[in-house]
All heavy atoms as atom14 arrays in JSON, in Angstrom:
{
  "sequence": "KVVYLRVINPTGGQEVVTDENDSKFRGDGQDLQFTAKTNINFTNQK",
  "atom14_mask": [
    [1, 1, 1, 1, 1, 1, 1, 1, 1, 0, 0, 0, 0, 0],
    [1, 1, 1, 1, 1, 1, 1, 0, 0, 0, 0, 0, 0, 0],
    [1, 1, 1, 1, 1, 1, 1, 0, 0, 0, 0, 0, 0, 0],
    [1, 1, 1, 1, 1, 1, 1, 1, 1, 1, 1, 1, 0, 0],
    [1, 1, 1, 1, 1, 1, 1, 1, 0, 0, 0, 0, 0, 0],
    [1, 1, 1, 1, 1, 1, 1, 1, 1, 1, 1, 0, 0, 0],
    [1, 1, 1, 1, 1, 1, 1, 0, 0, 0, 0, 0, 0, 0],
    [1, 1, 1, 1, 1, 1, 1, 1, 0, 0, 0, 0, 0, 0],
    [1, 1, 1, 1, 1, 1, 1, 1, 0, 0, 0, 0, 0, 0],
    [1, 1, 1, 1, 1, 1, 1, 0, 0, 0, 0, 0, 0, 0],
    [1, 1, 1, 1, 1, 1, 1, 0, 0, 0, 0, 0, 0, 0],
    [1, 1, 1, 1, 0, 0, 0, 0, 0, 0, 0, 0, 0, 0],
    [1, 1, 1, 1, 0, 0, 0, 0, 0, 0, 0, 0, 0, 0],
    [1, 1, 1, 1, 1, 1, 1, 1, 1, 0, 0, 0, 0, 0],
    [1, 1, 1, 1, 1, 1, 1, 1, 1, 0, 0, 0, 0, 0],
    [1, 1, 1, 1, 1, 1, 1, 0, 0, 0, 0, 0, 0, 0],
    [1, 1, 1, 1, 1, 1, 1, 0, 0, 0, 0, 0, 0, 0],
    [1, 1, 1, 1, 1, 1, 1, 0, 0, 0, 0, 0, 0, 0],
    [1, 1, 1, 1, 1, 1, 1, 1, 0, 0, 0, 0, 0, 0],
    [1, 1, 1, 1, 1, 1, 1, 1, 1, 0, 0, 0, 0, 0],
    [1, 1, 1, 1, 1, 1, 1, 1, 0, 0, 0, 0, 0, 0],
    [1, 1, 1, 1, 1, 1, 1, 1, 0, 0, 0, 0, 0, 0],
    [1, 1, 1, 1, 1, 1, 0, 0, 0, 0, 0, 0, 0, 0],
    [1, 1, 1, 1, 1, 1, 1, 1, 1, 0, 0, 0, 0, 0],
    [1, 1, 1, 1, 1, 1, 1, 1, 1, 1, 1, 0, 0, 0],
    [1, 1, 1, 1, 1, 1, 1, 1, 1, 1, 1, 0, 0, 0],
    [1, 1, 1, 1, 0, 0, 0, 0, 0, 0, 0, 0, 0, 0],
    [1, 1, 1, 1, 1, 1, 1, 1, 0, 0, 0, 0, 0, 0],
    [1, 1, 1, 1, 0, 0, 0, 0, 0, 0, 0, 0, 0, 0],
    [1, 1, 1, 1, 1, 1, 1, 1, 1, 0, 0, 0, 0, 0],
    [1, 1, 1, 1, 1, 1, 1, 1, 0, 0, 0, 0, 0, 0],
    [1, 1, 1, 1, 1, 1, 1, 1, 0, 0, 0, 0, 0, 0],
    [1, 1, 1, 1, 1, 1, 1, 1, 1, 0, 0, 0, 0, 0],
    [1, 1, 1, 1, 1, 1, 1, 1, 1, 1, 1, 0, 0, 0],
    [1, 1, 1, 1, 1, 1, 1, 0, 0, 0, 0, 0, 0, 0],
    [1, 1, 1, 1, 1, 0, 0, 0, 0, 0, 0, 0, 0, 0],
    [1, 1, 1, 1, 1, 1, 1, 1, 1, 0, 0, 0, 0, 0],
    [1, 1, 1, 1, 1, 1, 1, 0, 0, 0, 0, 0, 0, 0],
    [1, 1, 1, 1, 1, 1, 1, 1, 0, 0, 0, 0, 0, 0],
    [1, 1, 1, 1, 1, 1, 1, 1, 0, 0, 0, 0, 0, 0],
    [1, 1, 1, 1, 1, 1, 1, 1, 0, 0, 0, 0, 0, 0],
    [1, 1, 1, 1, 1, 1, 1, 1, 1, 1, 1, 0, 0, 0],
    [1, 1, 1, 1, 1, 1, 1, 0, 0, 0, 0, 0, 0, 0],
    [1, 1, 1, 1, 1, 1, 1, 1, 0, 0, 0, 0, 0, 0],
    [1, 1, 1, 1, 1, 1, 1, 1, 1, 0, 0, 0, 0, 0],
    [1, 1, 1, 1, 1, 1, 1, 1, 1, 0, 0, 0, 0, 0]
  ],
  "atom14_positions": [
    [[-27.7, 11.35, 15.09], [-27.11, 12.14, 14.02], [-28.19, 12.5, 13.01], [-29.18, 11.76, 12.85], [-25.99, 11.37, 13.32], [-24.78, 11.07, 14.21], [-23.69, 10.36, 13.45], [-22.51, 10.06, 14.35], [-21.8, 11.29, 14.78], [0.0, 0.0, 0.0], [0.0, 0.0, 0.0], [0.0, 0.0, 0.0], [0.0, 0.0, 0.0], [0.0, 0.0, 0.0]],
    [[-27.98, 13.61, 12.32], [-28.9, 14.02, 11.25], [-28.23, 13.7, 9.92], [-27.09, 14.11, 9.67], [-29.21, 15.52, 11.32], [-30.15, 15.91, 10.18], [-29.83, 15.88, 12.66], [0.0, 0.0, 0.0], [0.0, 0.0, 0.0], [0.0, 0.0, 0.0], [0.0, 0.0, 0.0], [0.0, 0.0, 0.0], [0.0, 0.0, 0.0], [0.0, 0.0, 0.0]],
    [[-28.92, 12.94, 9.08], [-28.43, 12.62, 7.74], [-29.24, 13.45, 6.74], [-30.47, 13.42, 6.74], [-28.57, 11.12, 7.42], [-28.17, 10.85, 5.97], [-27.72, 10.29, 8.37], [0.0, 0.0, 0.0], [0.0, 0.0, 0.0], [0.0, 0.0, 0.0], [0.0, 0.0, 0.0], [0.0, 0.0, 0.0], [0.0, 0.0, 0.0], [0.0, 0.0, 0.0]],
    [[-28.52, 14.2, 5.93], [-29.15, 15.05, 4.92], [-29.07, 14.39, 3.55], [-28.04, 13.8, 3.19], [-28.47, 16.42, 4.86], [-28.61, 17.22, 6.13], [-27.62, 17.2, 7.1], [-29.74, 18.0, 6.35], [-27.75, 17.94, 8.26], [-29.89, 18.75, 7.52], [-28.88, 18.71, 8.47], [-29.01, 19.44, 9.63], [0.0, 0.0, 0.0], [0.0, 0.0, 0.0]],
    [[-30.14, 14.5, 2.78], [-30.2, 13.97, 1.43], [-30.32, 15.12, 0.45], [-31.2, 15.98, 0.59], [-31.41, 13.04, 1.28], [-31.78, 12.6, -0.14], [-30.7, 11.71, -0.72], [-33.12, 11.89, -0.15], [0.0, 0.0, 0.0], [0.0, 0.0, 0.0], [0.0, 0.0, 0.0], [0.0, 0.0, 0.0], [0.0, 0.0, 0.0], [0.0, 0.0, 0.0]],
    [[-29.41, 15.16, -0.51], [-29.51, 16.11, -1.61], [-29.78, 15.32, -2.88], [-29.11, 14.32, -3.15], [-28.23, 16.92, -1.77], [-27.93, 17.87, -0.64], [-26.67, 18.67, -0.92], [-26.87, 19.62, -2.01], [-25.95, 19.97, -2.91], [-24.76, 19.41, -2.89], [-26.23, 20.86, -3.84], [0.0, 0.0, 0.0], [0.0, 0.0, 0.0], [0.0, 0.0, 0.0]],
    [[-30.74, 15.79, -3.66], [-31.09, 15.12, -4.91], [-30.9, 16.09, -6.06], [-31.48, 17.19, -6.06], [-32.54, 14.6, -4.89], [-32.89, 13.96, -6.23], [-32.74, 13.6, -3.75], [0.0, 0.0, 0.0], [0.0, 0.0, 0.0], [0.0, 0.0, 0.0], [0.0, 0.0, 0.0], [0.0, 0.0, 0.0], [0.0, 0.0, 0.0], [0.0, 0.0, 0.0]],
    [[-30.11, 15.69, -7.04], [-29.92, 16.47, -8.27], [-30.74, 15.78, -9.36], [-30.52, 14.6, -9.65], [-28.44, 16.54, -8.68], [-27.58, 17.0, -7.5], [-28.27, 17.46, -9.88], [-27.93, 18.36, -6.96], [0.0, 0.0, 0.0], [0.0, 0.0, 0.0], [0.0, 0.0, 0.0], [0.0, 0.0, 0.0], [0.0, 0.0, 0.0], [0.0, 0.0, 0.0]],
    [[-31.69, 16.49, -9.94], [-32.59, 15.86, -10.91], [-31.93, 15.69, -12.28], [-30.81, 16.16, -12.5], [-33.91, 16.64, -11.0], [-33.71, 18.04, -11.53], [-32.84, 18.31, -12.36], [-34.54, 18.97, -11.04], [0.0, 0.0, 0.0], [0.0, 0.0, 0.0], [0.0, 0.0, 0.0], [0.0, 0.0, 0.0], [0.0, 0.0, 0.0], [0.0, 0.0, 0.0]],
    [[-32.59, 15.0, -13.19], [-31.99, 14.72, -14.51], [-31.59, 15.96, -15.3], [-30.73, 15.89, -16.18], [-33.1, 13.93, -15.23], [-33.86, 13.27, -14.14], [-33.87, 14.28, -13.01], [0.0, 0.0, 0.0], [0.0, 0.0, 0.0], [0.0, 0.0, 0.0], [0.0, 0.0, 0.0], [0.0, 0.0, 0.0], [0.0, 0.0, 0.0], [0.0, 0.0, 0.0]],
    [[-32.19, 17.11, -15.0], [-31.84, 18.33, -15.73], [-30.67, 19.08, -15.08], [-30.26, 20.13, -15.57], [-33.05, 19.28, -15.81], [-33.42, 19.68, -14.48], [-34.23, 18.59, -16.47], [0.0, 0.0, 0.0], [0.0, 0.0, 0.0], [0.0, 0.0, 0.0], [0.0, 0.0, 0.0], [0.0, 0.0, 0.0], [0.0, 0.0, 0.0], [0.0, 0.0, 0.0]],
    [[-30.17, 18.54, -13.96], [-29.03, 19.17, -13.3], [-29.42, 20.13, -12.2], [-28.56, 20.76, -11.57], [0.0, 0.0, 0.0], [0.0, 0.0, 0.0], [0.0, 0.0, 0.0], [0.0, 0.0, 0.0], [0.0, 0.0, 0.0], [0.0, 0.0, 0.0], [0.0, 0.0, 0.0], [0.0, 0.0, 0.0], [0.0, 0.0, 0.0], [0.0, 0.0, 0.0]],
    [[-30.72, 20.28, -11.95], [-31.17, 21.17, -10.88], [-31.36, 20.42, -9.57], [-31.62, 19.21, -9.57], [0.0, 0.0, 0.0], [0.0, 0.0, 0.0], [0.0, 0.0, 0.0], [0.0, 0.0, 0.0], [0.0, 0.0, 0.0], [0.0, 0.0, 0.0], [0.0, 0.0, 0.0], [0.0, 0.0, 0.0], [0.0, 0.0, 0.0], [0.0, 0.0, 0.0]],
    [[-31.25, 21.14, -8.45], [-31.44, 20.48, -7.16], [-32.9, 20.5, -6.77], [-33.59, 21.5, -6.92], [-30.61, 21.15, -6.07], [-30.75, 20.43, -4.74], [-29.92, 21.05, -3.63], [-28.9, 21.64, -3.88], [-30.39, 20.9, -2.4], [0.0, 0.0, 0.0], [0.0, 0.0, 0.0], [0.0, 0.0, 0.0], [0.0, 0.0, 0.0], [0.0, 0.0, 0.0]],
    [[-33.34, 19.37, -6.26], [-34.71, 19.26, -5.77], [-34.75, 19.71, -4.31], [-34.06, 19.15, -3.46], [-35.21, 17.81, -5.87], [-35.31, 17.3, -7.29], [-36.54, 17.84, -8.02], [-37.36, 18.51, -7.37], [-36.69, 17.57, -9.22], [0.0, 0.0, 0.0], [0.0, 0.0, 0.0], [0.0, 0.0, 0.0], [0.0, 0.0, 0.0], [0.0, 0.0, 0.0]],
    [[-35.52, 20.74, -4.03], [-35.68, 21.23, -2.66], [-37.17, 21.29, -2.35], [-37.92, 21.97, -3.05], [-35.05, 22.63, -2.48], [-35.21, 23.1, -1.04], [-33.58, 22.6, -2.85], [0.0, 0.0, 0.0], [0.0, 0.0, 0.0], [0.0, 0.0, 0.0], [0.0, 0.0, 0.0], [0.0, 0.0, 0.0], [0.0, 0.0, 0.0], [0.0, 0.0, 0.0]],
    [[-37.59, 20.59, -1.31], [-39.02, 20.52, -1.03], [-39.47, 21.56, -0.02], [-40.66, 21.76, 0.19], [-39.4, 19.11, -0.51], [-39.19, 18.08, -1.58], [-38.6, 18.76, 0.73], [0.0, 0.0, 0.0], [0.0, 0.0, 0.0], [0.0, 0.0, 0.0], [0.0, 0.0, 0.0], [0.0, 0.0, 0.0], [0.0, 0.0, 0.0], [0.0, 0.0, 0.0]],
    [[-38.51, 22.25, 0.62], [-38.87, 23.31, 1.55], [-38.3, 24.62, 1.03], [-37.55, 24.64, 0.05], [-38.3, 23.04, 2.95], [-36.88, 22.86, 2.85], [-38.9, 21.79, 3.55], [0.0, 0.0, 0.0], [0.0, 0.0, 0.0], [0.0, 0.0, 0.0], [0.0, 0.0, 0.0], [0.0, 0.0, 0.0], [0.0, 0.0, 0.0], [0.0, 0.0, 0.0]],
    [[-38.66, 25.74, 1.68], [-38.13, 27.01, 1.2], [-36.65, 27.13, 1.54], [-36.1, 26.33, 2.3], [-38.93, 28.19, 1.75], [-38.82, 28.34, 3.25], [-37.71, 28.25, 3.79], [-39.86, 28.54, 3.9], [0.0, 0.0, 0.0], [0.0, 0.0, 0.0], [0.0, 0.0, 0.0], [0.0, 0.0, 0.0], [0.0, 0.0, 0.0], [0.0, 0.0, 0.0]],
    [[-36.0, 28.14, 1.0], [-34.55, 28.27, 1.08], [-34.04, 28.32, 2.52], [-33.05, 27.69, 2.88], [-34.08, 29.51, 0.33], [-32.57, 29.69, 0.32], [-32.15, 30.88, -0.51], [-33.01, 31.48, -1.19], [-30.96, 31.22, -0.47], [0.0, 0.0, 0.0], [0.0, 0.0, 0.0], [0.0, 0.0, 0.0], [0.0, 0.0, 0.0], [0.0, 0.0, 0.0]],
    [[-34.72, 29.07, 3.39], [-34.25, 29.22, 4.76], [-34.35, 27.93, 5.55], [-33.48, 27.6, 6.35], [-35.04, 30.33, 5.47], [-34.71, 31.71, 4.91], [-33.59, 31.95, 4.48], [-35.7, 32.59, 4.91], [0.0, 0.0, 0.0], [0.0, 0.0, 0.0], [0.0, 0.0, 0.0], [0.0, 0.0, 0.0], [0.0, 0.0, 0.0], [0.0, 0.0, 0.0]],
    [[-35.45, 27.2, 5.35], [-35.66, 25.97, 6.12], [-34.82, 24.8, 5.63], [-34.69, 23.81, 6.34], [-37.15, 25.57, 6.07], [-38.02, 26.53, 6.86], [-37.47, 27.21, 7.74], [-39.23, 26.59, 6.59], [0.0, 0.0, 0.0], [0.0, 0.0, 0.0], [0.0, 0.0, 0.0], [0.0, 0.0, 0.0], [0.0, 0.0, 0.0], [0.0, 0.0, 0.0]],
    [[-34.28, 24.88, 4.43], [-33.58, 23.73, 3.88], [-32.06, 23.89, 3.87], [-31.36, 23.11, 3.23], [-34.06, 23.47, 2.44], [-33.72, 24.56, 1.6], [0.0, 0.0, 0.0], [0.0, 0.0, 0.0], [0.0, 0.0, 0.0], [0.0, 0.0, 0.0], [0.0, 0.0, 0.0], [0.0, 0.0, 0.0], [0.0, 0.0, 0.0], [0.0, 0.0, 0.0]],
    [[-31.55, 24.88, 4.6], [-30.1, 25.09, 4.6], [-29.39, 24.19, 5.61], [-29.92, 23.89, 6.67], [-29.78, 26.55, 4.93], [-29.94, 27.5, 3.75], [-29.44, 28.89, 4.12], [-29.51, 29.83, 2.92], [-29.02, 31.19, 3.26], [0.0, 0.0, 0.0], [0.0, 0.0, 0.0], [0.0, 0.0, 0.0], [0.0, 0.0, 0.0], [0.0, 0.0, 0.0]],
    [[-28.19, 23.77, 5.25], [-27.32, 23.06, 6.18], [-25.88, 23.28, 5.74], [-25.62, 23.78, 4.65], [-27.66, 21.56, 6.25], [-27.17, 20.76, 5.07], [-26.04, 19.96, 5.17], [-27.85, 20.79, 3.85], [-25.58, 19.22, 4.09], [-27.41, 20.05, 2.77], [-26.27, 19.26, 2.88], [0.0, 0.0, 0.0], [0.0, 0.0, 0.0], [0.0, 0.0, 0.0]],
    [[-24.95, 22.92, 6.6], [-23.54, 23.12, 6.32], [-22.94, 21.79, 5.9], [-23.01, 20.8, 6.63], [-22.83, 23.63, 7.58], [-21.42, 24.16, 7.35], [-21.44, 25.48, 6.65], [-20.08, 26.02, 6.49], [-19.77, 27.04, 5.72], [-20.73, 27.65, 5.04], [-18.55, 27.49, 5.63], [0.0, 0.0, 0.0], [0.0, 0.0, 0.0], [0.0, 0.0, 0.0]],
    [[-22.35, 21.75, 4.7], [-21.76, 20.51, 4.21], [-20.49, 20.76, 3.42], [-20.49, 21.6, 2.51], [0.0, 0.0, 0.0], [0.0, 0.0, 0.0], [0.0, 0.0, 0.0], [0.0, 0.0, 0.0], [0.0, 0.0, 0.0], [0.0, 0.0, 0.0], [0.0, 0.0, 0.0], [0.0, 0.0, 0.0], [0.0, 0.0, 0.0], [0.0, 0.0, 0.0]],
    [[-19.43, 20.07, 3.77], [-18.14, 20.22, 3.08], [-17.69, 21.67, 3.04], [-17.17, 22.15, 2.03], [-18.21, 19.64, 1.66], [-18.34, 18.13, 1.66], [-18.0, 17.5, 2.67], [-18.78, 17.57, 0.64], [0.0, 0.0, 0.0], [0.0, 0.0, 0.0], [0.0, 0.0, 0.0], [0.0, 0.0, 0.0], [0.0, 0.0, 0.0], [0.0, 0.0, 0.0]],
    [[-17.93, 22.39, 4.13], [-17.48, 23.77, 4.22], [-18.32, 24.77, 3.45], [-17.92, 25.92, 3.29], [0.0, 0.0, 0.0], [0.0, 0.0, 0.0], [0.0, 0.0, 0.0], [0.0, 0.0, 0.0], [0.0, 0.0, 0.0], [0.0, 0.0, 0.0], [0.0, 0.0, 0.0], [0.0, 0.0, 0.0], [0.0, 0.0, 0.0], [0.0, 0.0, 0.0]],
    [[-19.5, 24.35, 2.97], [-20.35, 25.24, 2.19], [-21.76, 25.28, 2.78], [-22.19, 24.35, 3.47], [-20.46, 24.76, 0.74], [-19.14, 24.56, 0.03], [-19.37, 23.99, -1.36], [-19.94, 24.64, -2.23], [-18.93, 22.75, -1.57], [0.0, 0.0, 0.0], [0.0, 0.0, 0.0], [0.0, 0.0, 0.0], [0.0, 0.0, 0.0], [0.0, 0.0, 0.0]],
    [[-22.49, 26.35, 2.47], [-23.91, 26.42, 2.8], [-24.67, 25.75, 1.67], [-24.67, 26.22, 0.54], [-24.36, 27.87, 2.96], [-23.84, 28.5, 4.24], [-23.73, 27.78, 5.24], [-23.53, 29.71, 4.22], [0.0, 0.0, 0.0], [0.0, 0.0, 0.0], [0.0, 0.0, 0.0], [0.0, 0.0, 0.0], [0.0, 0.0, 0.0], [0.0, 0.0, 0.0]],
    [[-25.34, 24.64, 1.98], [-26.06, 23.86, 0.98], [-27.53, 23.76, 1.35], [-27.93, 24.16, 2.44], [-25.45, 22.45, 0.87], [-23.96, 22.37, 0.54], [-23.46, 20.93, 0.65], [-23.69, 22.91, -0.85], [0.0, 0.0, 0.0], [0.0, 0.0, 0.0], [0.0, 0.0, 0.0], [0.0, 0.0, 0.0], [0.0, 0.0, 0.0], [0.0, 0.0, 0.0]],
    [[-28.31, 23.23, 0.43], [-29.72, 22.97, 0.68], [-29.97, 21.47, 0.57], [-29.45, 20.8, -0.31], [-30.6, 23.71, -0.32], [-30.65, 25.22, -0.08], [-31.56, 25.88, -1.09], [-31.12, 26.26, -2.17], [-32.83, 26.02, -0.75], [0.0, 0.0, 0.0], [0.0, 0.0, 0.0], [0.0, 0.0, 0.0], [0.0, 0.0, 0.0], [0.0, 0.0, 0.0]],
    [[-30.8, 20.97, 1.5], [-31.12, 19.54, 1.44], [-32.49, 19.33, 0.82], [-33.35, 20.2, 0.84], [-31.04, 18.92, 2.83], [-32.01, 19.48, 3.84], [-33.32, 19.02, 3.92], [-31.61, 20.46, 4.72], [-34.21, 19.54, 4.84], [-32.49, 20.98, 5.66], [-33.78, 20.53, 5.72], [0.0, 0.0, 0.0], [0.0, 0.0, 0.0], [0.0, 0.0, 0.0]],
    [[-32.65, 18.14, 0.27], [-33.94, 17.75, -0.3], [-34.81, 17.09, 0.76], [-36.01, 17.29, 0.81], [-33.72, 16.78, -1.47], [-32.81, 17.37, -2.41], [-35.03, 16.45, -2.17], [0.0, 0.0, 0.0], [0.0, 0.0, 0.0], [0.0, 0.0, 0.0], [0.0, 0.0, 0.0], [0.0, 0.0, 0.0], [0.0, 0.0, 0.0], [0.0, 0.0, 0.0]],
    [[-34.17, 16.3, 1.61], [-34.86, 15.64, 2.73], [-33.81, 15.34, 3.79], [-32.61, 15.4, 3.53], [-35.54, 14.35, 2.26], [0.0, 0.0, 0.0], [0.0, 0.0, 0.0], [0.0, 0.0, 0.0], [0.0, 0.0, 0.0], [0.0, 0.0, 0.0], [0.0, 0.0, 0.0], [0.0, 0.0, 0.0], [0.0, 0.0, 0.0], [0.0, 0.0, 0.0]],
    [[-34.28, 15.03, 4.98], [-33.36, 14.68, 6.05], [-34.02, 13.68, 6.98], [-35.25, 13.54, 7.0], [-32.91, 15.91, 6.84], [-34.02, 16.6, 7.62], [-33.48, 17.79, 8.41], [-34.58, 18.47, 9.2], [-34.07, 19.6, 10.01], [0.0, 0.0, 0.0], [0.0, 0.0, 0.0], [0.0, 0.0, 0.0], [0.0, 0.0, 0.0], [0.0, 0.0, 0.0]],
    [[-33.2, 12.99, 7.77], [-33.73, 12.05, 8.74], [-32.8, 11.97, 9.94], [-31.59, 12.25, 9.81], [-33.89, 10.64, 8.11], [-34.6, 9.79, 9.01], [-32.53, 10.0, 7.82], [0.0, 0.0, 0.0], [0.0, 0.0, 0.0], [0.0, 0.0, 0.0], [0.0, 0.0, 0.0], [0.0, 0.0, 0.0], [0.0, 0.0, 0.0], [0.0, 0.0, 0.0]],
    [[-33.35, 11.65, 11.08], [-32.55, 11.44, 12.28], [-32.27, 9.96, 12.45], [-33.19, 9.13, 12.32], [-33.28, 11.96, 13.52], [-33.47, 13.46, 13.49], [-32.54, 14.21, 13.25], [-34.69, 13.92, 13.73], [0.0, 0.0, 0.0], [0.0, 0.0, 0.0], [0.0, 0.0, 0.0], [0.0, 0.0, 0.0], [0.0, 0.0, 0.0], [0.0, 0.0, 0.0]],
    [[-31.02, 9.62, 12.72], [-30.66, 8.23, 12.93], [-29.94, 8.1, 14.27], [-29.4, 9.07, 14.8], [-29.75, 7.67, 11.81], [-28.37, 8.35, 11.86], [-30.4, 7.83, 10.45], [-27.33, 7.68, 10.97], [0.0, 0.0, 0.0], [0.0, 0.0, 0.0], [0.0, 0.0, 0.0], [0.0, 0.0, 0.0], [0.0, 0.0, 0.0], [0.0, 0.0, 0.0]],
    [[-29.93, 6.9, 14.8], [-29.17, 6.59, 16.0], [-27.99, 5.72, 15.57], [-28.15, 4.52, 15.34], [-30.03, 5.87, 17.03], [-29.25, 5.55, 18.29], [-28.27, 6.22, 18.63], [-29.66, 4.51, 19.01], [0.0, 0.0, 0.0], [0.0, 0.0, 0.0], [0.0, 0.0, 0.0], [0.0, 0.0, 0.0], [0.0, 0.0, 0.0], [0.0, 0.0, 0.0]],
    [[-26.84, 6.34, 15.42], [-25.65, 5.61, 14.98], [-25.11, 4.78, 16.13], [-24.7, 5.31, 17.16], [-24.58, 6.58, 14.48], [-23.28, 5.92, 14.11], [-23.23, 4.95, 13.12], [-22.1, 6.26, 14.77], [-22.04, 4.33, 12.78], [-20.91, 5.66, 14.44], [-20.88, 4.69, 13.44], [0.0, 0.0, 0.0], [0.0, 0.0, 0.0], [0.0, 0.0, 0.0]],
    [[-25.13, 3.45, 15.97], [-24.71, 2.54, 17.03], [-23.37, 1.87, 16.74], [-22.88, 1.1, 17.56], [-25.77, 1.44, 17.24], [-25.94, 0.72, 16.0], [-27.11, 2.04, 17.64], [0.0, 0.0, 0.0], [0.0, 0.0, 0.0], [0.0, 0.0, 0.0], [0.0, 0.0, 0.0], [0.0, 0.0, 0.0], [0.0, 0.0, 0.0], [0.0, 0.0, 0.0]],
    [[-22.8, 2.16, 15.58], [-21.53, 1.56, 15.18], [-21.61, 0.04, 15.06], [-20.64, -0.66, 15.33], [-20.41, 1.96, 16.16], [-19.03, 1.88, 15.52], [-18.89, 1.98, 14.31], [-18.01, 1.7, 16.33], [0.0, 0.0, 0.0], [0.0, 0.0, 0.0], [0.0, 0.0, 0.0], [0.0, 0.0, 0.0], [0.0, 0.0, 0.0], [0.0, 0.0, 0.0]],
    [[-22.78, -0.43, 14.69], [-22.97, -1.87, 14.5], [-22.91, -2.22, 13.02], [-23.5, -1.53, 12.19], [-24.31, -2.31, 15.09], [-24.39, -2.19, 16.6], [-25.72, -2.66, 17.14], [-26.64, -2.99, 16.39], [-25.84, -2.69, 18.46], [0.0, 0.0, 0.0], [0.0, 0.0, 0.0], [0.0, 0.0, 0.0], [0.0, 0.0, 0.0], [0.0, 0.0, 0.0]],
    [[-22.22, -3.28, 12.72], [-22.03, -3.71, 11.35], [-23.36, -4.09, 10.69], [-24.2, -4.73, 11.3], [-21.06, -4.89, 11.29], [-20.71, -5.35, 9.9], [-19.73, -6.51, 9.95], [-19.36, -6.98, 8.54], [-18.41, -8.12, 8.58], [0.0, 0.0, 0.0], [0.0, 0.0, 0.0], [0.0, 0.0, 0.0], [0.0, 0.0, 0.0], [0.0, 0.0, 0.0]]
  ]
}
């Protein structure tokens, strides 16, 4: 699975480390931008 991280800075702006096209993803029915992302292997282990 891909886990996306969005960071809102203290001034209320979103931190995006890549350009707009490369940082887009679909979340909660909206087109959003991520700050960082990582791939995980979800094993359903506690």
